[in-house]
Amino acid sequence: MVVGESDEAAADRVFHALADATRRDIIARVIRDAQSVTALARHYPMSFAAVQKHVAVLERAALVTKRRRGREKVVHPDLTALRRAARLLDAYEQLWRHRARGIEELLAED
C-alpha cells in the first residue's frame, strides 16, 4: 500500500480528530442534523471557545465544514474524509488477514 505524503498527513489529521470523544460526538450530531456552533456548545460541559476549537480540529481534518447562515456558523458533515479513513482501515485489515492466513499455513505445515 503506497500512500503519498499528503495522504499520510490527511490521515493523521483525521485519526487525530477522531481520537477525541467530544469530536466524535460532534460529528455524530452534525451527521444527524447540521447545527450551529452555539447549538453544539449547549451539549457539552465546556466553554463555547473550547467547542469552537474542537470544531476547528474537525475542519482541519476535512470532517466538517462551516457555512454562514445569518449571524451563525452552521457545522455540516463532510463524509469524504471519513470514507477515506474507512478505506485505509480496510486496507490494514486486509493486510492483517493476509498475515494471519500466512501464519495458519505455516502452522499447518508442521
Protein backbone atom coordinates (compact mmCIF):
# COMPACT_ATOMS: atom_id res chain seq x y z
CA MET A 1 0.00 0.00 0.00
CA VAL A 2 1.67 3.17 -1.20
CA VAL A 3 0.45 6.38 0.31
CA GLY A 4 1.70 9.84 -0.59
CA GLU A 5 2.99 12.28 1.99
CA SER A 6 -0.07 14.50 1.67
CA ASP A 7 -2.30 11.43 2.07
CA GLU A 8 -0.39 10.49 5.21
CA ALA A 9 -0.80 13.98 6.64
CA ALA A 10 -4.52 13.96 5.86
CA ALA A 11 -4.91 10.53 7.51
CA ASP A 12 -3.02 11.79 10.57
CA ARG A 13 -5.38 14.77 10.86
CA VAL A 14 -8.47 12.55 10.54
CA PHE A 15 -7.34 9.99 13.09
CA HIS A 16 -6.17 12.74 15.47
CA ALA A 17 -9.60 14.37 15.18
CA LEU A 18 -11.40 11.07 15.73
CA ALA A 19 -9.27 10.22 18.77
CA ASP A 20 -11.31 12.58 20.93
CA ALA A 21 -14.75 11.53 22.23
CA THR A 22 -16.16 15.06 22.09
CA ARG A 23 -15.18 15.44 18.45
CA ARG A 24 -16.69 12.05 17.60
CA ASP A 25 -19.88 13.16 19.31
CA ILE A 26 -19.90 16.45 17.38
CA ILE A 27 -19.58 14.52 14.12
CA ALA A 28 -22.45 12.23 15.09
CA ARG A 29 -24.63 15.21 15.97
CA VAL A 30 -23.99 17.09 12.73
CA ILE A 31 -24.49 13.94 10.66
CA ARG A 32 -27.97 13.69 12.16
CA ASP A 33 -28.64 17.40 11.73
CA ALA A 34 -26.37 20.31 10.80
CA GLN A 35 -26.10 22.63 13.81
CA SER A 36 -24.64 25.99 14.69
CA VAL A 37 -21.57 26.06 16.88
CA THR A 38 -23.73 27.76 19.53
CA ALA A 39 -26.23 24.87 19.47
CA LEU A 40 -23.41 22.34 19.67
CA ALA A 41 -21.86 24.14 22.64
CA ARG A 42 -25.05 23.63 24.66
CA HIS A 43 -24.43 19.87 24.71
CA TYR A 44 -21.05 19.96 26.43
CA PRO A 45 -19.82 20.97 29.89
CA MET A 46 -17.16 23.25 28.43
CA SER A 47 -16.84 26.78 27.18
CA PHE A 48 -18.06 27.93 23.78
CA ALA A 49 -14.42 28.62 22.86
CA ALA A 50 -13.47 25.01 23.67
CA VAL A 51 -16.24 23.70 21.40
CA GLN A 52 -15.07 26.10 18.68
CA LYS A 53 -11.58 24.61 18.99
CA HIS A 54 -12.96 21.08 18.64
CA VAL A 55 -14.87 22.15 15.52
CA ALA A 56 -11.68 23.75 14.14
CA VAL A 57 -9.81 20.43 14.55
CA LEU A 58 -12.63 18.68 12.69
CA GLU A 59 -12.47 21.33 9.96
CA ARG A 60 -8.71 20.89 9.52
CA ALA A 61 -9.32 17.17 9.13
CA ALA A 62 -12.00 17.95 6.49
CA LEU A 63 -14.60 16.07 8.54
CA VAL A 64 -16.87 19.11 8.79
CA THR A 65 -17.40 22.43 7.06
CA LYS A 66 -18.87 25.63 8.47
CA ARG A 67 -21.26 27.76 6.45
CA ARG A 68 -22.61 31.12 7.45
CA ARG A 69 -26.36 31.32 7.96
CA GLY A 70 -27.22 34.82 9.03
CA ARG A 71 -25.18 35.58 12.11
CA GLU A 72 -24.45 31.93 12.86
CA LYS A 73 -21.94 29.48 11.50
CA VAL A 74 -23.58 26.13 10.87
CA VAL A 75 -21.48 22.97 11.03
CA HIS A 76 -22.13 20.39 8.29
CA PRO A 77 -20.58 16.93 7.95
CA ASP A 78 -18.21 16.13 5.11
CA LEU A 79 -18.14 12.36 4.91
CA THR A 80 -15.43 12.19 2.24
CA ALA A 81 -12.63 12.17 4.83
CA LEU A 82 -14.44 9.52 6.89
CA ARG A 83 -14.75 7.33 3.81
CA ARG A 84 -11.02 7.71 3.08
CA ALA A 85 -10.23 6.74 6.68
CA ALA A 86 -12.53 3.72 6.40
CA ARG A 87 -10.74 2.63 3.21
CA LEU A 88 -7.37 2.97 4.94
CA LEU A 89 -8.59 0.87 7.89
CA ASP A 90 -9.97 -1.71 5.44
CA ALA A 91 -6.56 -1.90 3.76
CA TYR A 92 -4.89 -2.51 7.13
CA GLU A 93 -7.47 -5.17 7.94
CA GLN A 94 -6.75 -6.95 4.66
CA LEU A 95 -3.01 -6.82 5.39
CA TRP A 96 -3.53 -8.42 8.81
CA ARG A 97 -5.90 -11.04 7.41
CA HIS A 98 -3.27 -11.95 4.82
CA ARG A 99 -0.63 -12.25 7.55
CA ALA A 100 -2.93 -14.39 9.71
CA ARG A 101 -3.53 -16.75 6.76
CA GLY A 102 0.23 -16.98 6.29
CA ILE A 103 0.71 -17.91 9.94
CA GLU A 104 -2.09 -20.51 9.71
CA GLU A 105 -0.40 -22.03 6.66
CA LEU A 106 2.96 -22.18 8.44
CA LEU A 107 1.39 -23.87 11.44
CA ALA A 108 -0.46 -26.34 9.23
CA GLU A 109 2.83 -27.41 7.63
CA ASP A 110 4.14 -28.76 10.94
